[in-house]
Amino acid sequence: MNALTAKTDKFGPAEQDIARRRAELAAAWPAGWRSMTEAWAGRGGDAAWLMGPANYLARTMETRWAVDPVMLTCFVPQAITVDPAVLSRLDFILLTHRHRDHMDPELWSALAGSAIRWIVPGDMLVPVCEAGVPQERITPAEAGVPLDLQGMRITPFAGLHWEYAHGWQRGSPRAGIDATGYFVEWDGHSLLFPGDTRTYDPAALPVFSGVQTLVAHVWLGRKAAGNPRPPLLADFCGFVAALKPCCNVWLTHLWNVVRKPYDYWDERHARLIRDGLHDLLPGVTVAAPEFWRGMDL
């Protein structure tokens, strides 16, 4: 019996599955990091890579950027530490909110001396500055105020990361945090990042025209991952469809191996969502990207 088997035998099947996934990620990380960053730093077409459950590297028009970049060691402490120096090639970074799976202050510090433009929501300014990022490299993310960067247009907007029982801002929220989403446009292409969403009310978001790829963070209800039909499955699918992506839906925030089984979303939930979107978005590709592998834009 190896160490992993001895440890996971003490837990139930769901916890064992998460532990196995965590060990698989740790083992694959050095090669995955090298493959991802070599492809990202090289020349090629527009593409994006999943750094973590909801953390992204992208290359568009040879501009290199990221959304909530993190290293795997944020989620899997036993993973081998790799050199993040290649990320100094980033042109800009978009940050969304202050939850630990979207923040890597150690990585921020490592990149603080690079000529990267940081797009930062107001409530994240203090930790970003504390990580050593110079204030002159920071641009506030103001909802509804577009930013033109490297020939791209970035429009921040207020996300829906507060959990309301009966629709956006109806009654008191059960839980949540302020968050920022982004609509990214370049050369006739677009990516929409609503970010972590807990109230599926599309009317509370700005109207986005010409959404090609929608990045949808999976959450189907509080402590509901073990349900055969999670309670917010239809709400999630309706929300995604209402945003009218014409080409791709990427299902992310899966395989977050620091979570308990009741909050752990995986390929089973991705299949349920694909089935739910089949008739709502005919002709649109719905995929769950693999860690560290490029997705064409």
Protein backbone atom coordinates (compact mmCIF):
# COMPACT_ATOMS: atom_id res chain seq x y z
CA MET A 1 0.00 0.00 0.00
CA ASN A 2 1.50 3.34 -1.04
CA ALA A 3 1.25 6.55 0.97
CA LEU A 4 -1.62 7.96 -1.09
CA THR A 5 -3.67 4.76 -0.76
CA ALA A 6 -3.02 4.60 2.97
CA LYS A 7 -4.17 8.18 3.39
CA THR A 8 -7.28 8.05 1.19
CA ASP A 9 -8.48 4.70 2.56
CA LYS A 10 -9.57 6.63 5.68
CA PHE A 11 -12.08 8.67 3.66
CA GLY A 12 -15.17 8.05 1.58
CA PRO A 13 -15.15 7.42 -2.18
CA ALA A 14 -15.76 11.08 -3.09
CA GLU A 15 -12.88 12.30 -0.94
CA GLN A 16 -10.68 9.56 -2.36
CA ASP A 17 -11.51 10.73 -5.88
CA ILE A 18 -10.50 14.28 -5.00
CA ALA A 19 -7.27 13.07 -3.38
CA ARG A 20 -6.44 11.00 -6.46
CA ARG A 21 -7.09 13.98 -8.70
CA ARG A 22 -4.89 16.14 -6.48
CA ALA A 23 -2.05 13.60 -6.72
CA GLU A 24 -2.46 13.33 -10.50
CA LEU A 25 -2.24 17.10 -10.89
CA ALA A 26 0.88 17.27 -8.71
CA ALA A 27 2.58 14.55 -10.76
CA ALA A 28 1.67 16.13 -14.10
CA TRP A 29 2.41 19.73 -13.09
CA PRO A 30 6.09 20.19 -14.13
CA ALA A 31 5.51 18.80 -17.62
CA GLY A 32 2.14 20.57 -17.91
CA TRP A 33 3.64 23.91 -16.88
CA ARG A 34 6.50 23.56 -19.36
CA SER A 35 4.20 22.55 -22.23
CA MET A 36 1.70 25.34 -21.49
CA THR A 37 4.18 28.15 -21.11
CA GLU A 38 6.27 27.13 -24.12
CA ALA A 39 3.15 27.13 -26.30
CA TRP A 40 1.88 30.39 -24.80
CA ALA A 41 5.22 32.19 -25.13
CA GLY A 42 5.77 30.98 -28.69
CA ARG A 43 4.23 32.33 -31.84
CA GLY A 44 0.86 31.03 -32.97
CA GLY A 45 -2.81 31.71 -33.33
CA ASP A 46 -5.16 33.10 -30.71
CA ALA A 47 -5.55 30.65 -27.84
CA ALA A 48 -6.11 30.35 -24.09
CA TRP A 49 -4.89 27.92 -21.45
CA LEU A 50 -6.35 26.89 -18.10
CA MET A 51 -3.72 27.49 -15.38
CA GLY A 52 -6.00 26.33 -12.57
CA PRO A 53 -9.70 25.71 -12.00
CA ALA A 54 -10.65 29.27 -13.04
CA ASN A 55 -7.31 30.86 -13.90
CA TYR A 56 -6.24 31.68 -17.44
CA LEU A 57 -3.36 32.48 -19.74
CA ALA A 58 -4.18 33.86 -23.18
CA ARG A 59 -2.45 34.94 -26.37
CA THR A 60 -4.40 37.11 -28.79
CA MET A 61 -2.81 39.05 -31.67
CA GLU A 62 0.53 38.12 -30.05
CA THR A 63 -0.53 40.01 -26.95
CA ARG A 64 -0.07 37.88 -23.82
CA TRP A 65 -2.37 38.32 -20.88
CA ALA A 66 -3.91 36.49 -17.93
CA VAL A 67 -7.00 36.40 -15.74
CA ASP A 68 -6.40 35.59 -12.05
CA PRO A 69 -3.10 33.78 -12.70
CA VAL A 70 -2.04 31.27 -10.06
CA MET A 71 0.50 28.51 -9.69
CA LEU A 72 -0.66 24.98 -8.87
CA THR A 73 1.07 25.21 -5.49
CA CYS A 74 -1.83 27.46 -4.38
CA PHE A 75 -4.09 24.40 -4.56
CA VAL A 76 -1.65 21.53 -4.20
CA PRO A 77 1.15 22.38 -1.73
CA GLN A 78 2.97 19.12 -2.50
CA ALA A 79 3.36 20.13 -6.16
CA ILE A 80 6.89 20.93 -7.26
CA THR A 81 7.70 24.64 -7.35
CA VAL A 82 8.44 25.85 -10.88
CA ASP A 83 10.06 29.09 -12.04
CA PRO A 84 7.38 31.64 -13.02
CA ALA A 85 9.88 33.93 -14.81
CA VAL A 86 8.34 33.20 -18.23
CA LEU A 87 5.21 35.04 -17.08
CA SER A 88 7.17 38.29 -17.07
CA ARG A 89 6.26 38.33 -20.77
CA LEU A 90 2.68 39.16 -19.83
CA ASP A 91 1.40 42.43 -21.25
CA PHE A 92 -1.42 42.73 -18.74
CA ILE A 93 -3.22 40.87 -15.95
CA LEU A 94 -6.93 41.07 -15.10
CA LEU A 95 -7.90 40.39 -11.48
CA THR A 96 -11.47 39.61 -10.41
CA HIS A 97 -11.93 39.18 -6.65
CA ARG A 98 -10.40 38.30 -3.30
CA HIS A 99 -11.10 34.58 -2.95
CA ARG A 100 -8.05 32.44 -2.37
CA ASP A 101 -8.47 30.33 -5.51
CA HIS A 102 -8.17 33.51 -7.59
CA MET A 103 -5.24 35.11 -5.75
CA ASP A 104 -1.56 34.21 -5.69
CA PRO A 105 0.31 36.99 -3.83
CA GLU A 106 3.55 35.02 -4.05
CA LEU A 107 3.26 35.01 -7.84
CA TRP A 108 2.31 38.69 -7.82
CA SER A 109 5.51 39.44 -5.91
CA ALA A 110 7.57 37.42 -8.35
CA LEU A 111 6.15 39.46 -11.26
CA ALA A 112 6.13 42.84 -9.50
CA GLY A 113 9.32 44.01 -11.18
CA SER A 114 8.10 43.24 -14.70
CA ALA A 115 6.58 45.76 -17.10
CA ILE A 116 3.10 44.25 -16.72
CA ARG A 117 -0.05 46.35 -16.61
CA TRP A 118 -2.31 45.23 -13.73
CA ILE A 119 -6.07 45.78 -14.03
CA VAL A 120 -7.27 45.68 -10.44
CA PRO A 121 -10.72 46.07 -8.78
CA GLY A 122 -10.77 48.71 -6.04
CA ASP A 123 -11.02 46.29 -3.13
CA MET A 124 -7.91 44.44 -4.35
CA LEU A 125 -5.60 47.44 -4.57
CA VAL A 126 -4.18 46.99 -1.08
CA PRO A 127 -3.08 43.33 -1.39
CA VAL A 128 -1.67 43.93 -4.87
CA CYS A 129 0.39 46.88 -3.62
CA GLU A 130 1.45 44.89 -0.56
CA ALA A 131 2.80 42.23 -2.94
CA GLY A 132 5.16 44.88 -4.30
CA VAL A 133 3.42 45.82 -7.56
CA PRO A 134 4.27 49.49 -8.27
CA GLN A 135 1.26 51.78 -8.20
CA GLU A 136 2.17 53.23 -11.57
CA ARG A 137 1.69 49.77 -13.14
CA ILE A 138 -1.87 49.48 -11.78
CA THR A 139 -5.04 50.57 -13.59
CA PRO A 140 -8.29 50.46 -11.59
CA ALA A 141 -11.02 48.24 -13.04
CA GLU A 142 -14.06 50.53 -13.10
CA ALA A 143 -17.37 48.96 -14.07
CA GLY A 144 -18.52 50.14 -17.48
CA VAL A 145 -15.30 52.02 -18.29
CA PRO A 146 -13.56 50.34 -21.26
CA LEU A 147 -9.78 50.08 -21.38
CA ASP A 148 -7.77 49.95 -24.59
CA LEU A 149 -4.69 47.77 -24.15
CA GLN A 150 -2.39 46.45 -26.88
CA GLY A 151 -5.06 46.96 -29.54
CA MET A 152 -7.68 45.19 -27.42
CA ARG A 153 -10.72 46.57 -25.65
CA ILE A 154 -11.33 45.37 -22.08
CA THR A 155 -14.65 46.29 -20.47
CA PRO A 156 -14.92 45.57 -16.72
CA PHE A 157 -18.35 45.08 -15.19
CA ALA A 158 -19.82 44.21 -11.80
CA GLY A 159 -20.12 40.45 -11.43
CA LEU A 160 -22.89 38.50 -9.69
CA HIS A 161 -20.90 36.79 -6.94
CA TRP A 162 -23.49 37.52 -4.25
CA GLU A 163 -25.92 34.69 -3.54
CA TYR A 164 -29.56 35.76 -3.43
CA ALA A 165 -32.43 33.33 -3.03
CA HIS A 166 -34.96 35.05 -5.28
CA GLY A 167 -33.04 37.05 -7.88
CA TRP A 168 -30.37 39.72 -7.94
CA GLN A 169 -30.59 42.13 -4.98
CA ARG A 170 -33.96 40.81 -3.91
CA GLY A 171 -33.81 40.50 -0.14
CA SER A 172 -30.59 40.00 1.78
CA PRO A 173 -27.75 37.97 0.27
CA ARG A 174 -26.99 34.63 1.87
CA ALA A 175 -23.29 34.94 1.13
CA GLY A 176 -20.91 36.41 -1.39
CA ILE A 177 -18.32 39.01 -2.26
CA ASP A 178 -17.88 41.84 -4.74
CA ALA A 179 -16.30 40.67 -7.98
CA THR A 180 -15.46 42.01 -11.42
CA GLY A 181 -16.15 40.39 -14.78
CA TYR A 182 -14.58 41.30 -18.11
CA PHE A 183 -15.64 41.47 -21.75
CA VAL A 184 -12.54 41.23 -23.95
CA GLU A 185 -12.65 42.20 -27.64
CA TRP A 186 -9.97 42.14 -30.33
CA ASP A 187 -9.84 42.01 -34.13
CA GLY A 188 -13.46 40.90 -34.54
CA HIS A 189 -13.25 38.32 -31.73
CA SER A 190 -14.54 38.33 -28.15
CA LEU A 191 -14.35 36.51 -24.83
CA LEU A 192 -16.84 37.05 -22.00
CA PHE A 193 -15.75 36.31 -18.41
CA PRO A 194 -18.72 36.77 -16.05
CA GLY A 195 -16.52 35.25 -13.34
CA ASP A 196 -17.75 33.43 -10.27
CA THR A 197 -21.55 33.75 -10.29
CA ARG A 198 -23.95 32.83 -7.50
CA THR A 199 -27.18 34.48 -8.67
CA TYR A 200 -28.08 33.52 -12.22
CA ASP A 201 -29.89 36.68 -13.27
CA PRO A 202 -28.71 37.74 -16.76
CA ALA A 203 -30.83 40.91 -16.59
CA ALA A 204 -28.44 42.19 -13.89
CA LEU A 205 -25.52 42.18 -16.35
CA PRO A 206 -24.81 44.66 -19.16
CA VAL A 207 -25.92 43.61 -22.64
CA PHE A 208 -22.97 42.17 -24.57
CA SER A 209 -23.27 41.92 -28.33
CA GLY A 210 -21.29 39.49 -30.42
CA VAL A 211 -20.15 37.13 -27.67
CA GLN A 212 -18.14 34.41 -29.37
CA THR A 213 -16.69 32.49 -26.42
CA LEU A 214 -18.28 32.47 -22.97
CA VAL A 215 -16.21 31.28 -20.01
CA ALA A 216 -18.75 29.92 -17.51
CA HIS A 217 -17.66 29.11 -13.95
CA VAL A 218 -19.64 26.10 -12.78
CA TRP A 219 -21.63 26.39 -9.57
CA LEU A 220 -24.90 24.51 -9.27
CA GLY A 221 -25.97 25.21 -5.70
CA ARG A 222 -24.61 25.39 -2.19
CA LYS A 223 -23.32 22.03 -0.94
CA ALA A 224 -25.11 20.40 -3.86
CA ALA A 225 -22.35 18.69 -5.85
CA GLY A 226 -23.43 15.24 -4.69
CA ASN A 227 -27.02 15.66 -5.91
CA PRO A 228 -27.96 13.60 -8.98
CA ARG A 229 -29.63 16.76 -10.36
CA PRO A 230 -28.14 19.80 -8.60
CA PRO A 231 -30.79 22.43 -7.81
CA LEU A 232 -29.35 25.26 -9.93
CA LEU A 233 -28.62 23.21 -13.04
CA ALA A 234 -31.51 24.72 -15.03
CA ASP A 235 -30.70 28.23 -13.73
CA PHE A 236 -27.08 27.88 -14.81
CA CYS A 237 -28.03 26.65 -18.29
CA GLY A 238 -30.62 29.40 -18.71
CA PHE A 239 -28.08 32.04 -17.65
CA VAL A 240 -25.49 30.77 -20.12
CA ALA A 241 -28.01 30.64 -22.96
CA ALA A 242 -29.26 34.17 -22.19
CA LEU A 243 -25.76 35.57 -22.76
CA LYS A 244 -26.00 34.26 -26.37
CA PRO A 245 -22.53 32.91 -27.09
CA CYS A 246 -22.37 32.07 -30.78
CA CYS A 247 -19.35 29.74 -30.91
CA ASN A 248 -18.06 28.29 -27.63
CA VAL A 249 -18.93 27.78 -23.99
CA TRP A 250 -16.03 26.78 -21.78
CA LEU A 251 -17.05 25.16 -18.50
CA THR A 252 -14.44 25.91 -15.85
CA HIS A 253 -14.07 26.09 -12.08
CA LEU A 254 -14.02 22.29 -12.18
CA TRP A 255 -11.59 19.99 -10.33
CA ASN A 256 -10.90 22.46 -7.54
CA VAL A 257 -9.08 19.93 -5.40
CA VAL A 258 -9.08 22.01 -2.20
CA ARG A 259 -12.85 21.68 -1.89
CA LYS A 260 -15.00 19.23 0.03
CA PRO A 261 -17.02 16.72 -2.02
CA TYR A 262 -20.26 18.67 -1.58
CA ASP A 263 -18.67 21.70 -3.33
CA TYR A 264 -16.53 19.83 -5.87
CA TRP A 265 -17.63 20.10 -9.51
CA ASP A 266 -16.19 17.69 -12.05
CA GLU A 267 -16.84 16.00 -15.40
CA ARG A 268 -20.19 14.59 -14.23
CA HIS A 269 -21.51 18.10 -13.76
CA ALA A 270 -20.02 19.18 -17.09
CA ARG A 271 -21.97 16.37 -18.79
CA LEU A 272 -25.21 17.48 -17.13
CA ILE A 273 -24.62 21.03 -18.34
CA ARG A 274 -23.79 19.92 -21.88
CA ASP A 275 -27.04 17.97 -21.98
CA GLY A 276 -28.94 20.97 -20.60
CA LEU A 277 -27.48 23.34 -23.20
CA HIS A 278 -27.92 21.00 -26.16
CA ASP A 279 -31.29 22.41 -27.22
CA LEU A 280 -30.76 25.90 -25.77
CA LEU A 281 -27.59 26.62 -27.79
CA PRO A 282 -27.71 24.51 -30.97
CA GLY A 283 -24.47 24.61 -32.90
CA VAL A 284 -22.44 25.99 -29.98
CA THR A 285 -19.51 23.89 -28.76
CA VAL A 286 -19.66 23.25 -25.00
CA ALA A 287 -16.36 22.00 -23.59
CA ALA A 288 -14.60 21.52 -20.27
CA PRO A 289 -10.98 22.52 -21.02
CA GLU A 290 -8.20 20.40 -19.58
CA PHE A 291 -5.58 21.97 -17.38
CA TRP A 292 -2.58 23.39 -19.27
CA ARG A 293 -3.81 22.47 -22.78
CA GLY A 294 -4.49 25.21 -25.29
CA MET A 295 -7.97 26.05 -26.58
CA ASP A 296 -8.15 27.85 -29.92
CA LEU A 297 -10.00 31.17 -30.05
